[in-house]
């Protein structure tokens, strides 16, 4: 499996393609897949509490294709981590972040790319505040593990056999 490699830009808070010698760099591992799965916004359901929903227009976000592609029920791109924007870093929200992070990566298990998906979350002190940090532990079909985590500046770290 090869994806276009995406680098997270902390200044812009967005992902961007990487070019070398006028060509796109590819990622043979699962790092880009985790990045897209976690940091693309999945469409909110009617039951979800949307941050800053005081406005006249409530944005449920999500990819437009998920509205029209009904071939696989509940198969949506991205995660609901965005619903935790500006939330307190308490135990309840940590558990929600873990749940949202795992749900966003479960497609890898359903598609047979990995045997298991585990998400570990913790509350970290960063500067004067606390942040929620997530780490994905993906067990590949061959038994090798890949750990994907993001530091407080959202730089991706990959450990393990991800080729």
N, C-alpha and C. Protein backbone atom coordinates (compact mmCIF):
# COMPACT_ATOMS: atom_id res chain seq x y z
N UNK A 1 0.85 -1.17 0.00
CA UNK A 1 0.00 0.00 0.00
C UNK A 1 0.89 1.24 0.00
N UNK A 2 0.67 2.13 -0.92
CA UNK A 2 1.44 3.36 -1.00
C UNK A 2 0.49 4.55 -1.04
N UNK A 3 0.78 5.54 -0.22
CA UNK A 3 0.03 6.79 -0.19
C UNK A 3 0.97 7.93 -0.53
N UNK A 4 0.39 9.05 -0.90
CA UNK A 4 1.19 10.28 -1.00
C UNK A 4 1.53 10.68 0.43
N UNK A 5 2.78 10.94 0.70
CA UNK A 5 3.20 11.28 2.05
C UNK A 5 2.76 12.69 2.39
N UNK A 6 2.20 12.83 3.57
CA UNK A 6 1.73 14.13 4.05
C UNK A 6 2.55 14.53 5.26
N UNK A 7 2.99 15.78 5.27
CA UNK A 7 3.73 16.33 6.41
C UNK A 7 2.80 17.32 7.10
N UNK A 8 2.74 17.25 8.42
CA UNK A 8 1.91 18.16 9.20
C UNK A 8 2.66 19.47 9.41
N UNK A 9 2.05 20.58 9.05
CA UNK A 9 2.63 21.91 9.23
C UNK A 9 2.00 22.53 10.47
N UNK A 10 2.81 22.65 11.54
CA UNK A 10 2.27 23.16 12.80
C UNK A 10 1.92 24.64 12.73
N UNK A 11 2.61 25.40 11.91
CA UNK A 11 2.31 26.82 11.78
C UNK A 11 0.96 27.06 11.15
N UNK A 12 0.66 26.29 10.13
CA UNK A 12 -0.62 26.43 9.43
C UNK A 12 -1.71 25.52 9.99
N UNK A 13 -1.29 24.54 10.83
CA UNK A 13 -2.20 23.55 11.39
C UNK A 13 -2.94 22.80 10.28
N UNK A 14 -2.17 22.33 9.29
CA UNK A 14 -2.73 21.55 8.20
C UNK A 14 -1.66 20.64 7.62
N UNK A 15 -2.12 19.63 6.92
CA UNK A 15 -1.21 18.73 6.25
C UNK A 15 -0.90 19.21 4.85
N UNK A 16 0.26 18.83 4.34
CA UNK A 16 0.65 19.23 2.99
C UNK A 16 1.47 18.12 2.37
N UNK A 17 1.40 18.01 1.04
CA UNK A 17 2.19 17.03 0.31
C UNK A 17 3.66 17.41 0.36
N UNK A 18 4.52 16.41 0.23
CA UNK A 18 5.96 16.62 0.24
C UNK A 18 6.48 16.35 -1.17
N UNK A 19 7.29 17.29 -1.68
CA UNK A 19 7.90 17.14 -2.99
C UNK A 19 9.42 17.05 -2.85
N UNK A 20 10.03 16.15 -3.60
CA UNK A 20 11.48 16.07 -3.73
C UNK A 20 11.79 15.85 -5.20
N UNK A 21 12.70 16.63 -5.73
CA UNK A 21 13.08 16.53 -7.14
C UNK A 21 11.85 16.61 -8.05
N UNK A 22 10.97 17.55 -7.76
CA UNK A 22 9.75 17.80 -8.55
C UNK A 22 8.82 16.59 -8.63
N UNK A 23 8.85 15.74 -7.62
CA UNK A 23 7.98 14.57 -7.60
C UNK A 23 7.39 14.41 -6.20
N UNK A 24 6.21 13.86 -6.13
CA UNK A 24 5.59 13.60 -4.84
C UNK A 24 6.31 12.48 -4.11
N UNK A 25 6.54 12.66 -2.81
CA UNK A 25 7.12 11.61 -1.98
C UNK A 25 5.99 10.69 -1.55
N UNK A 26 6.26 9.39 -1.53
CA UNK A 26 5.23 8.44 -1.11
C UNK A 26 5.55 7.87 0.26
N UNK A 27 4.53 7.31 0.87
CA UNK A 27 4.62 6.72 2.20
C UNK A 27 4.15 5.28 2.08
N UNK A 28 5.07 4.34 2.27
CA UNK A 28 4.71 2.93 2.18
C UNK A 28 4.14 2.39 3.48
N UNK A 29 4.14 3.18 4.51
CA UNK A 29 3.63 2.76 5.80
C UNK A 29 2.21 3.23 6.01
N UNK A 30 1.82 3.33 7.25
CA UNK A 30 0.45 3.71 7.58
C UNK A 30 0.37 5.09 8.23
N UNK A 31 1.50 5.79 8.31
CA UNK A 31 1.51 7.09 8.96
C UNK A 31 0.58 8.09 8.32
N UNK A 32 0.58 8.18 6.99
CA UNK A 32 -0.30 9.10 6.29
C UNK A 32 -1.76 8.69 6.48
N UNK A 33 -2.03 7.40 6.47
CA UNK A 33 -3.40 6.93 6.67
C UNK A 33 -3.93 7.32 8.05
N UNK A 34 -3.08 7.25 9.07
CA UNK A 34 -3.49 7.67 10.41
C UNK A 34 -3.72 9.18 10.43
N UNK A 35 -2.81 9.93 9.82
CA UNK A 35 -2.94 11.38 9.78
C UNK A 35 -4.27 11.80 9.13
N UNK A 36 -4.59 11.22 7.99
CA UNK A 36 -5.85 11.56 7.31
C UNK A 36 -7.05 11.10 8.14
N UNK A 37 -6.96 9.91 8.70
CA UNK A 37 -8.07 9.37 9.47
C UNK A 37 -8.37 10.20 10.72
N UNK A 38 -7.33 10.68 11.38
CA UNK A 38 -7.55 11.45 12.61
C UNK A 38 -7.86 12.92 12.35
N UNK A 39 -7.24 13.52 11.34
CA UNK A 39 -7.33 14.96 11.19
C UNK A 39 -8.23 15.43 10.05
N UNK A 40 -8.96 14.51 9.44
CA UNK A 40 -10.06 14.89 8.56
C UNK A 40 -11.31 14.85 9.42
N UNK A 41 -12.16 15.82 9.26
CA UNK A 41 -13.35 15.91 10.11
C UNK A 41 -14.47 15.03 9.59
N UNK A 42 -14.89 14.08 10.43
CA UNK A 42 -16.03 13.26 10.10
C UNK A 42 -17.30 14.05 10.37
N UNK A 43 -18.32 13.83 9.56
CA UNK A 43 -19.58 14.55 9.72
C UNK A 43 -20.22 14.19 11.06
N UNK A 44 -20.69 15.21 11.77
CA UNK A 44 -21.36 15.02 13.05
C UNK A 44 -22.77 14.48 12.82
N UNK A 45 -23.23 13.70 13.77
CA UNK A 45 -24.61 13.21 13.72
C UNK A 45 -25.50 14.20 14.48
N UNK A 46 -26.79 13.97 14.42
CA UNK A 46 -27.73 14.84 15.12
C UNK A 46 -27.54 14.77 16.64
N UNK A 47 -27.00 13.66 17.15
CA UNK A 47 -26.79 13.48 18.59
C UNK A 47 -25.52 14.15 19.11
N UNK A 48 -24.60 14.49 18.23
CA UNK A 48 -23.33 15.07 18.64
C UNK A 48 -23.49 16.52 19.10
N UNK A 49 -22.73 16.88 20.12
CA UNK A 49 -22.69 18.27 20.58
C UNK A 49 -21.58 18.96 19.82
N UNK A 50 -21.96 19.98 19.05
CA UNK A 50 -21.01 20.66 18.19
C UNK A 50 -20.44 21.88 18.90
N UNK A 51 -19.11 22.00 18.96
CA UNK A 51 -18.52 23.17 19.62
C UNK A 51 -18.91 24.46 18.90
N UNK A 52 -19.09 25.51 19.67
CA UNK A 52 -19.44 26.83 19.13
C UNK A 52 -20.71 26.80 18.28
N UNK A 53 -21.69 26.01 18.71
CA UNK A 53 -22.94 25.88 17.95
C UNK A 53 -23.93 26.98 18.29
N UNK A 54 -23.44 28.07 18.88
CA UNK A 54 -24.32 29.19 19.23
C UNK A 54 -24.69 30.01 18.00
N UNK A 55 -23.99 29.80 16.93
CA UNK A 55 -24.23 30.62 15.75
C UNK A 55 -25.52 30.21 15.04
N UNK A 56 -25.91 31.03 14.11
CA UNK A 56 -27.13 30.77 13.34
C UNK A 56 -26.97 29.55 12.45
N UNK A 57 -25.76 29.37 11.90
CA UNK A 57 -25.47 28.23 11.03
C UNK A 57 -24.65 27.21 11.80
N UNK A 58 -25.12 25.98 11.86
CA UNK A 58 -24.40 24.91 12.55
C UNK A 58 -23.70 24.06 11.49
N UNK A 59 -22.37 24.03 11.57
CA UNK A 59 -21.56 23.30 10.60
C UNK A 59 -21.27 21.91 11.14
N UNK A 60 -21.82 20.89 10.49
CA UNK A 60 -21.59 19.50 10.90
C UNK A 60 -20.32 18.93 10.29
N UNK A 61 -19.66 19.72 9.44
CA UNK A 61 -18.42 19.36 8.77
C UNK A 61 -18.55 18.05 8.00
N UNK A 62 -17.42 17.40 7.75
CA UNK A 62 -17.43 16.13 7.03
C UNK A 62 -17.16 16.27 5.56
N UNK A 63 -16.88 15.13 4.91
CA UNK A 63 -16.61 15.08 3.49
C UNK A 63 -17.93 14.93 2.76
N UNK A 64 -18.13 15.71 1.72
CA UNK A 64 -19.40 15.69 1.00
C UNK A 64 -19.71 14.31 0.43
N UNK A 65 -18.70 13.55 0.07
CA UNK A 65 -18.91 12.22 -0.50
C UNK A 65 -19.58 11.26 0.47
N UNK A 66 -19.41 11.49 1.77
CA UNK A 66 -20.08 10.63 2.75
C UNK A 66 -21.59 10.83 2.75
N UNK A 67 -22.05 11.94 2.21
CA UNK A 67 -23.49 12.19 2.13
C UNK A 67 -24.14 11.40 0.99
N UNK A 68 -23.38 11.13 -0.06
CA UNK A 68 -23.96 10.48 -1.23
C UNK A 68 -23.54 9.02 -1.39
N UNK A 69 -22.43 8.61 -0.78
CA UNK A 69 -21.96 7.24 -0.91
C UNK A 69 -22.63 6.38 0.15
N UNK A 70 -23.64 5.65 -0.26
CA UNK A 70 -24.39 4.82 0.69
C UNK A 70 -24.09 3.34 0.49
N UNK A 71 -23.02 3.02 -0.24
CA UNK A 71 -22.70 1.62 -0.52
C UNK A 71 -22.30 0.86 0.75
N UNK A 72 -21.62 1.54 1.66
CA UNK A 72 -21.24 0.91 2.93
C UNK A 72 -21.77 1.78 4.05
N UNK A 73 -22.73 1.25 4.80
CA UNK A 73 -23.36 2.02 5.87
C UNK A 73 -22.33 2.38 6.95
N UNK A 74 -22.37 3.62 7.38
CA UNK A 74 -21.51 4.14 8.44
C UNK A 74 -20.03 4.13 8.09
N UNK A 75 -19.68 4.05 6.82
CA UNK A 75 -18.28 4.10 6.41
C UNK A 75 -17.96 5.54 6.03
N UNK A 76 -17.48 6.30 7.00
CA UNK A 76 -17.21 7.71 6.77
C UNK A 76 -15.74 8.02 6.96
N UNK A 77 -15.27 8.99 6.19
CA UNK A 77 -13.88 9.44 6.25
C UNK A 77 -13.69 10.30 7.51
N UNK A 78 -12.53 10.16 8.16
CA UNK A 78 -12.15 11.08 9.23
C UNK A 78 -12.57 10.65 10.62
N UNK A 79 -12.42 11.61 11.54
CA UNK A 79 -12.73 11.35 12.95
C UNK A 79 -13.60 12.47 13.51
N UNK A 80 -14.11 12.21 14.69
CA UNK A 80 -14.90 13.21 15.40
C UNK A 80 -14.06 13.92 16.46
N UNK A 81 -12.74 13.82 16.35
CA UNK A 81 -11.88 14.52 17.31
C UNK A 81 -12.14 16.02 17.31
N UNK A 82 -12.57 16.57 16.19
CA UNK A 82 -12.85 18.00 16.09
C UNK A 82 -13.95 18.43 17.05
N UNK A 83 -14.80 17.49 17.46
CA UNK A 83 -15.87 17.83 18.40
C UNK A 83 -15.33 18.20 19.78
N UNK A 84 -14.06 17.88 20.02
CA UNK A 84 -13.44 18.19 21.31
C UNK A 84 -12.69 19.52 21.30
N UNK A 85 -12.79 20.27 20.19
CA UNK A 85 -12.13 21.58 20.12
C UNK A 85 -12.50 22.41 21.34
N UNK A 86 -11.48 22.95 21.98
CA UNK A 86 -11.63 23.84 23.11
C UNK A 86 -12.32 23.19 24.33
N UNK A 87 -12.30 21.87 24.39
CA UNK A 87 -12.87 21.15 25.53
C UNK A 87 -11.85 21.09 26.66
N UNK A 88 -12.34 20.89 27.85
CA UNK A 88 -11.45 20.70 28.99
C UNK A 88 -10.73 19.37 28.86
N UNK A 89 -9.53 19.31 29.39
CA UNK A 89 -8.74 18.07 29.32
C UNK A 89 -9.02 17.21 30.54
N UNK A 90 -10.27 16.84 30.71
CA UNK A 90 -10.65 16.00 31.85
C UNK A 90 -10.76 14.53 31.41
N UNK A 91 -11.02 13.66 32.36
CA UNK A 91 -11.07 12.22 32.09
C UNK A 91 -12.17 11.87 31.08
N UNK A 92 -13.31 12.52 31.17
CA UNK A 92 -14.41 12.24 30.24
C UNK A 92 -14.01 12.55 28.79
N UNK A 93 -13.38 13.69 28.58
CA UNK A 93 -12.96 14.06 27.22
C UNK A 93 -11.78 13.22 26.74
N UNK A 94 -10.93 12.79 27.65
CA UNK A 94 -9.85 11.88 27.28
C UNK A 94 -10.44 10.57 26.76
N UNK A 95 -11.45 10.05 27.44
CA UNK A 95 -12.10 8.82 27.00
C UNK A 95 -12.80 9.01 25.65
N UNK A 96 -13.41 10.16 25.45
CA UNK A 96 -14.03 10.45 24.15
C UNK A 96 -12.98 10.50 23.05
N UNK A 97 -11.83 11.13 23.33
CA UNK A 97 -10.76 11.23 22.33
C UNK A 97 -10.26 9.84 21.95
N UNK A 98 -10.09 8.97 22.92
CA UNK A 98 -9.66 7.60 22.64
C UNK A 98 -10.71 6.89 21.78
N UNK A 99 -11.98 7.04 22.14
CA UNK A 99 -13.07 6.42 21.39
C UNK A 99 -13.11 6.95 19.95
N UNK A 100 -13.02 8.26 19.78
CA UNK A 100 -13.04 8.86 18.44
C UNK A 100 -11.82 8.43 17.63
N UNK A 101 -10.65 8.39 18.29
CA UNK A 101 -9.42 8.00 17.60
C UNK A 101 -9.47 6.56 17.13
N UNK A 102 -9.99 5.67 17.96
CA UNK A 102 -10.09 4.25 17.60
C UNK A 102 -11.12 4.06 16.49
N UNK A 103 -12.26 4.70 16.60
CA UNK A 103 -13.31 4.57 15.58
C UNK A 103 -12.80 5.03 14.21
N UNK A 104 -11.98 6.07 14.20
CA UNK A 104 -11.46 6.60 12.94
C UNK A 104 -10.47 5.65 12.26
N UNK A 105 -9.86 4.75 13.04
CA UNK A 105 -8.87 3.82 12.48
C UNK A 105 -9.41 2.41 12.28
N UNK A 106 -10.62 2.15 12.73
CA UNK A 106 -11.18 0.80 12.62
C UNK A 106 -11.32 0.32 11.18
N UNK A 107 -11.40 1.24 10.23
CA UNK A 107 -11.49 0.84 8.83
C UNK A 107 -10.29 -0.01 8.42
N UNK A 108 -9.13 0.25 9.03
CA UNK A 108 -7.93 -0.52 8.69
C UNK A 108 -8.10 -1.99 9.05
N UNK A 109 -8.74 -2.24 10.17
CA UNK A 109 -9.01 -3.61 10.60
C UNK A 109 -10.09 -4.23 9.71
N UNK A 110 -11.14 -3.49 9.45
CA UNK A 110 -12.23 -4.01 8.61
C UNK A 110 -11.76 -4.34 7.20
N UNK A 111 -10.80 -3.56 6.69
CA UNK A 111 -10.27 -3.80 5.34
C UNK A 111 -9.13 -4.80 5.31
N UNK A 112 -8.76 -5.37 6.46
CA UNK A 112 -7.72 -6.39 6.53
C UNK A 112 -6.30 -5.86 6.42
N UNK A 113 -6.11 -4.56 6.60
CA UNK A 113 -4.77 -3.97 6.53
C UNK A 113 -4.00 -4.26 7.81
N UNK A 114 -4.71 -4.25 8.94
CA UNK A 114 -4.09 -4.56 10.24
C UNK A 114 -4.95 -5.59 10.96
N UNK A 115 -4.33 -6.28 11.94
CA UNK A 115 -5.06 -7.24 12.77
C UNK A 115 -5.75 -6.56 13.93
N UNK A 116 -5.11 -5.51 14.46
CA UNK A 116 -5.66 -4.86 15.65
C UNK A 116 -5.34 -3.38 15.65
N UNK A 117 -6.25 -2.62 16.24
CA UNK A 117 -6.08 -1.17 16.40
C UNK A 117 -6.28 -0.85 17.87
N UNK A 118 -5.27 -0.27 18.48
CA UNK A 118 -5.40 0.20 19.86
C UNK A 118 -5.04 1.67 19.88
N UNK A 119 -5.75 2.43 20.70
CA UNK A 119 -5.45 3.85 20.86
C UNK A 119 -5.25 4.11 22.34
N UNK A 120 -4.14 4.77 22.64
CA UNK A 120 -3.79 5.11 24.01
C UNK A 120 -3.87 6.63 24.12
N UNK A 121 -4.49 7.09 25.17
CA UNK A 121 -4.59 8.53 25.38
C UNK A 121 -4.05 8.91 26.74
N UNK A 122 -3.53 10.10 26.82
CA UNK A 122 -3.06 10.60 28.12
C UNK A 122 -3.19 12.11 28.18
N UNK A 123 -3.20 12.59 29.38
CA UNK A 123 -3.27 14.02 29.66
C UNK A 123 -1.85 14.47 29.97
N UNK A 124 -1.30 15.36 29.11
CA UNK A 124 0.08 15.81 29.27
C UNK A 124 0.12 17.28 29.65
N UNK A 125 1.07 17.61 30.52
CA UNK A 125 1.29 19.02 30.83
C UNK A 125 2.15 19.61 29.73
N UNK A 126 1.67 20.69 29.13
CA UNK A 126 2.38 21.35 28.04
C UNK A 126 2.36 22.84 28.31
N UNK A 127 3.54 23.42 28.46
CA UNK A 127 3.67 24.81 28.91
C UNK A 127 2.91 24.95 30.22
N UNK A 128 1.95 25.82 30.30
CA UNK A 128 1.19 26.02 31.54
C UNK A 128 -0.14 25.29 31.53
N UNK A 129 -0.46 24.59 30.46
CA UNK A 129 -1.76 23.95 30.30
C UNK A 129 -1.61 22.43 30.20
N UNK A 130 -2.74 21.78 30.11
CA UNK A 130 -2.77 20.34 29.86
C UNK A 130 -3.37 20.11 28.48
N UNK A 131 -2.87 19.09 27.81
CA UNK A 131 -3.38 18.73 26.49
C UNK A 131 -3.71 17.24 26.49
N UNK A 132 -4.56 16.85 25.54
CA UNK A 132 -4.85 15.44 25.34
C UNK A 132 -3.94 14.94 24.23
N UNK A 133 -3.25 13.84 24.48
CA UNK A 133 -2.34 13.27 23.49
C UNK A 133 -2.80 11.85 23.17
N UNK A 134 -2.75 11.51 21.88
CA UNK A 134 -3.14 10.17 21.45
C UNK A 134 -1.98 9.45 20.78
N UNK A 135 -2.00 8.13 20.93
CA UNK A 135 -1.03 7.27 20.25
C UNK A 135 -1.80 6.09 19.68
N UNK A 136 -1.57 5.78 18.42
CA UNK A 136 -2.17 4.60 17.79
C UNK A 136 -1.14 3.48 17.79
N UNK A 137 -1.57 2.30 18.18
CA UNK A 137 -0.74 1.11 18.10
C UNK A 137 -1.44 0.17 17.13
N UNK A 138 -0.85 0.01 15.95
CA UNK A 138 -1.43 -0.81 14.90
C UNK A 138 -0.65 -2.11 14.81
N UNK A 139 -1.35 -3.23 14.94
CA UNK A 139 -0.72 -4.53 14.78
C UNK A 139 -1.01 -4.99 13.35
N UNK A 140 0.05 -5.05 12.55
CA UNK A 140 -0.10 -5.43 11.15
C UNK A 140 -0.41 -6.93 11.05
N UNK A 141 -0.86 -7.34 9.88
CA UNK A 141 -1.24 -8.73 9.64
C UNK A 141 -0.08 -9.68 9.92
N UNK A 142 1.15 -9.23 9.65
CA UNK A 142 2.32 -10.09 9.90
C UNK A 142 2.78 -10.07 11.36
N UNK A 143 2.06 -9.36 12.22
CA UNK A 143 2.37 -9.32 13.65
C UNK A 143 3.24 -8.15 14.07
N UNK A 144 3.89 -7.47 13.11
CA UNK A 144 4.69 -6.29 13.45
C UNK A 144 3.78 -5.16 13.91
N UNK A 145 4.31 -4.34 14.81
CA UNK A 145 3.53 -3.23 15.34
C UNK A 145 4.08 -1.90 14.86
N UNK A 146 3.17 -0.97 14.70
CA UNK A 146 3.51 0.40 14.34
C UNK A 146 2.87 1.31 15.37
N UNK A 147 3.69 2.17 15.97
CA UNK A 147 3.19 3.17 16.92
C UNK A 147 3.21 4.52 16.23
N UNK A 148 2.08 5.19 16.22
CA UNK A 148 1.98 6.52 15.63
C UNK A 148 1.49 7.46 16.72
N UNK A 149 2.29 8.48 16.99
CA UNK A 149 1.88 9.45 18.01
C UNK A 149 2.21 10.84 17.51
N UNK A 150 1.64 11.82 18.17
CA UNK A 150 1.87 13.21 17.82
C UNK A 150 2.29 13.94 19.08
N UNK A 151 3.40 14.68 18.98
CA UNK A 151 3.85 15.43 20.14
C UNK A 151 3.00 16.69 20.27
N UNK A 152 3.20 17.47 21.34
CA UNK A 152 2.36 18.66 21.54
C UNK A 152 2.37 19.66 20.40
N UNK A 153 3.38 19.63 19.56
CA UNK A 153 3.41 20.53 18.40
C UNK A 153 2.85 19.85 17.17
N UNK A 154 2.27 18.65 17.34
CA UNK A 154 1.64 17.87 16.28
C UNK A 154 2.61 17.40 15.21
N UNK A 155 3.84 17.11 15.61
CA UNK A 155 4.77 16.43 14.71
C UNK A 155 4.54 14.93 14.85
N UNK A 156 4.41 14.25 13.75
CA UNK A 156 4.16 12.81 13.79
C UNK A 156 5.44 12.06 14.12
N UNK A 157 5.29 11.02 14.92
CA UNK A 157 6.39 10.12 15.26
C UNK A 157 5.95 8.71 14.92
N UNK A 158 6.76 8.01 14.16
CA UNK A 158 6.48 6.63 13.80
C UNK A 158 7.55 5.74 14.40
N UNK A 159 7.14 4.71 15.10
CA UNK A 159 8.05 3.72 15.65
C UNK A 159 7.58 2.35 15.25
N UNK A 160 8.50 1.47 14.94
CA UNK A 160 8.14 0.10 14.62
C UNK A 160 8.34 -0.18 13.15
N UNK A 161 7.87 -1.34 12.74
CA UNK A 161 8.02 -1.77 11.35
C UNK A 161 6.83 -1.23 10.56
N UNK A 162 7.05 -0.18 9.79
CA UNK A 162 5.95 0.42 9.06
C UNK A 162 6.16 0.37 7.56
N UNK A 163 7.09 -0.41 7.09
CA UNK A 163 7.29 -0.54 5.64
C UNK A 163 6.46 -1.66 5.08
